[in-house]
Amino acid sequence: MTVDGAVTGSIGPGLLVLLGVTHTDTEADCDKLADKVRALRVFEDADGKMNEALGNRELLCVSQFTLYGDTRKGNRPAFVDAARPELAEPLYERFCERTGAQRGVFGAHMDVELVNDGPVTLMLDVPS
């Protein structure tokens, strides 16, 4: 991941997390999600089954308010469900600290390169 041409985060095999925060998210929600991400069994074991957790693999986390883009009306996304930076940034930082994630720069224009090794993309949400 680069910001203004400078590398801000880089990982080998592991997970890329695009993290969106909404108005009702709390520190407890953040902690639950971070623990869930670390425990997800999405990597192949010796038998080729998706059965291993992140373990010693790395994690890269990108703040991504656009995940809350609402396109139900018209052709221009509305981002009213995305949390304001005053709420979102501390939760993003908390998530990164709890998971040990490499990260970008909150609110910056980031260039992210990804090698997607496998067909797995998941959307996670913490139940209220």
Protein backbone atom coordinates (compact mmCIF):
# COMPACT_ATOMS: atom_id res chain seq x y z
CA MET A 1 0.00 0.00 0.00
CA THR A 2 1.33 3.40 -0.92
CA VAL A 3 0.33 6.98 -0.11
CA ASP A 4 1.87 9.73 -2.25
CA GLY A 5 4.35 7.19 -3.62
CA ALA A 6 5.61 6.09 -0.18
CA VAL A 7 4.99 2.54 1.08
CA THR A 8 2.90 2.70 4.26
CA GLY A 9 2.14 -0.99 4.63
CA SER A 10 3.23 -4.23 3.02
CA ILE A 11 2.56 -7.88 3.80
CA GLY A 12 3.24 -11.33 2.43
CA PRO A 13 0.64 -14.10 2.57
CA GLY A 14 -2.27 -13.13 4.79
CA LEU A 15 -5.43 -11.06 4.72
CA LEU A 16 -6.39 -7.71 3.26
CA VAL A 17 -9.17 -6.16 5.35
CA LEU A 18 -11.24 -3.28 3.98
CA LEU A 19 -12.70 -1.81 7.17
CA GLY A 20 -15.83 0.33 7.11
CA VAL A 21 -17.21 1.98 10.25
CA THR A 22 -20.80 3.14 10.71
CA HIS A 23 -22.41 5.50 13.27
CA THR A 24 -23.50 2.80 15.70
CA ASP A 25 -20.18 0.93 15.89
CA THR A 26 -18.59 0.76 19.34
CA GLU A 27 -15.25 -0.26 20.82
CA ALA A 28 -16.86 -3.58 21.83
CA ASP A 29 -17.97 -4.15 18.21
CA CYS A 30 -14.46 -3.33 17.03
CA ASP A 31 -12.90 -5.81 19.46
CA LYS A 32 -15.34 -8.58 18.47
CA LEU A 33 -14.62 -8.02 14.80
CA ALA A 34 -10.86 -7.95 15.33
CA ASP A 35 -10.99 -11.21 17.29
CA LYS A 36 -13.23 -12.78 14.62
CA VAL A 37 -10.84 -11.80 11.82
CA ARG A 38 -7.86 -13.32 13.66
CA ALA A 39 -9.83 -16.54 14.31
CA LEU A 40 -11.37 -17.02 10.84
CA ARG A 41 -10.42 -20.41 9.43
CA VAL A 42 -9.95 -19.38 5.81
CA PHE A 43 -6.52 -20.77 4.97
CA GLU A 44 -5.86 -24.26 3.63
CA ASP A 45 -4.57 -26.94 5.95
CA ALA A 46 -2.32 -29.83 4.92
CA ASP A 47 -5.34 -31.61 3.40
CA GLY A 48 -6.29 -28.62 1.25
CA LYS A 49 -9.34 -27.72 3.35
CA MET A 50 -10.11 -24.18 4.47
CA ASN A 51 -9.40 -24.91 8.10
CA GLU A 52 -6.52 -22.74 9.38
CA ALA A 53 -6.73 -19.35 11.05
CA LEU A 54 -4.48 -16.39 10.30
CA GLY A 55 -1.84 -17.58 12.76
CA ASN A 56 1.57 -16.12 11.86
CA ARG A 57 0.34 -14.78 8.53
CA GLU A 58 0.10 -11.04 8.11
CA LEU A 59 -2.81 -8.64 7.90
CA LEU A 60 -3.14 -5.35 6.00
CA CYS A 61 -6.04 -3.07 6.94
CA VAL A 62 -7.42 -0.26 4.78
CA SER A 63 -9.94 2.27 6.10
CA GLN A 64 -12.81 2.11 3.61
CA PHE A 65 -15.79 4.39 4.25
CA THR A 66 -17.03 3.67 0.72
CA LEU A 67 -18.23 0.24 1.89
CA TYR A 68 -21.20 2.16 3.27
CA GLY A 69 -22.01 3.73 -0.11
CA ASP A 70 -25.76 3.52 -0.68
CA THR A 71 -26.74 3.28 -4.34
CA ARG A 72 -30.43 2.41 -3.93
CA LYS A 73 -31.50 5.85 -5.15
CA GLY A 74 -29.96 7.33 -8.27
CA ASN A 75 -26.51 6.67 -9.68
CA ARG A 76 -24.36 8.58 -7.24
CA PRO A 77 -23.51 6.79 -3.96
CA ALA A 78 -24.56 8.42 -0.71
CA PHE A 79 -22.24 7.87 2.24
CA VAL A 80 -24.57 8.94 5.07
CA ASP A 81 -24.18 5.56 6.81
CA ALA A 82 -20.39 5.92 7.05
CA ALA A 83 -19.21 7.21 10.43
CA ARG A 84 -17.62 10.63 10.67
CA PRO A 85 -13.81 10.54 10.98
CA GLU A 86 -13.98 11.47 14.69
CA LEU A 87 -15.63 8.08 15.37
CA ALA A 88 -14.17 6.02 12.54
CA GLU A 89 -10.47 6.78 12.94
CA PRO A 90 -10.13 5.70 16.60
CA LEU A 91 -12.00 2.46 15.83
CA TYR A 92 -9.81 1.84 12.77
CA GLU A 93 -6.68 2.38 14.87
CA ARG A 94 -8.07 0.13 17.62
CA PHE A 95 -8.80 -2.65 15.10
CA CYS A 96 -5.28 -2.38 13.64
CA GLU A 97 -3.66 -2.48 17.08
CA ARG A 98 -5.75 -5.46 18.23
CA THR A 99 -5.00 -7.47 15.08
CA GLY A 100 -1.39 -6.34 14.62
CA ALA A 101 -2.27 -5.11 11.13
CA GLN A 102 -0.09 -3.13 8.77
CA ARG A 103 -2.02 -0.05 7.70
CA GLY A 104 -2.32 2.89 5.42
CA VAL A 105 -3.03 6.50 6.35
CA PHE A 106 -6.58 7.12 7.53
CA GLY A 107 -8.48 9.35 5.12
CA ALA A 108 -5.67 9.46 2.56
CA HIS A 109 -5.85 8.44 -1.08
CA MET A 110 -4.18 5.03 -1.00
CA ASP A 111 -2.99 2.80 -3.81
CA VAL A 112 -3.43 -0.85 -2.84
CA GLU A 113 -1.93 -3.75 -4.76
CA LEU A 114 -3.42 -7.18 -4.19
CA VAL A 115 -2.64 -10.70 -5.34
CA ASN A 116 -5.87 -12.56 -4.65
CA ASP A 117 -4.77 -16.17 -4.12
CA GLY A 118 -8.03 -18.04 -4.14
CA PRO A 119 -11.71 -17.46 -4.49
CA VAL A 120 -12.45 -16.26 -0.96
CA THR A 121 -13.90 -12.84 -0.24
CA LEU A 122 -16.01 -12.44 2.90
CA MET A 123 -18.15 -9.67 4.31
CA LEU A 124 -18.19 -9.65 8.10
CA ASP A 125 -20.48 -7.72 10.39
CA VAL A 126 -20.77 -7.78 14.15
CA PRO A 127 -24.35 -8.38 15.32
CA SER A 128 -25.70 -5.56 17.48
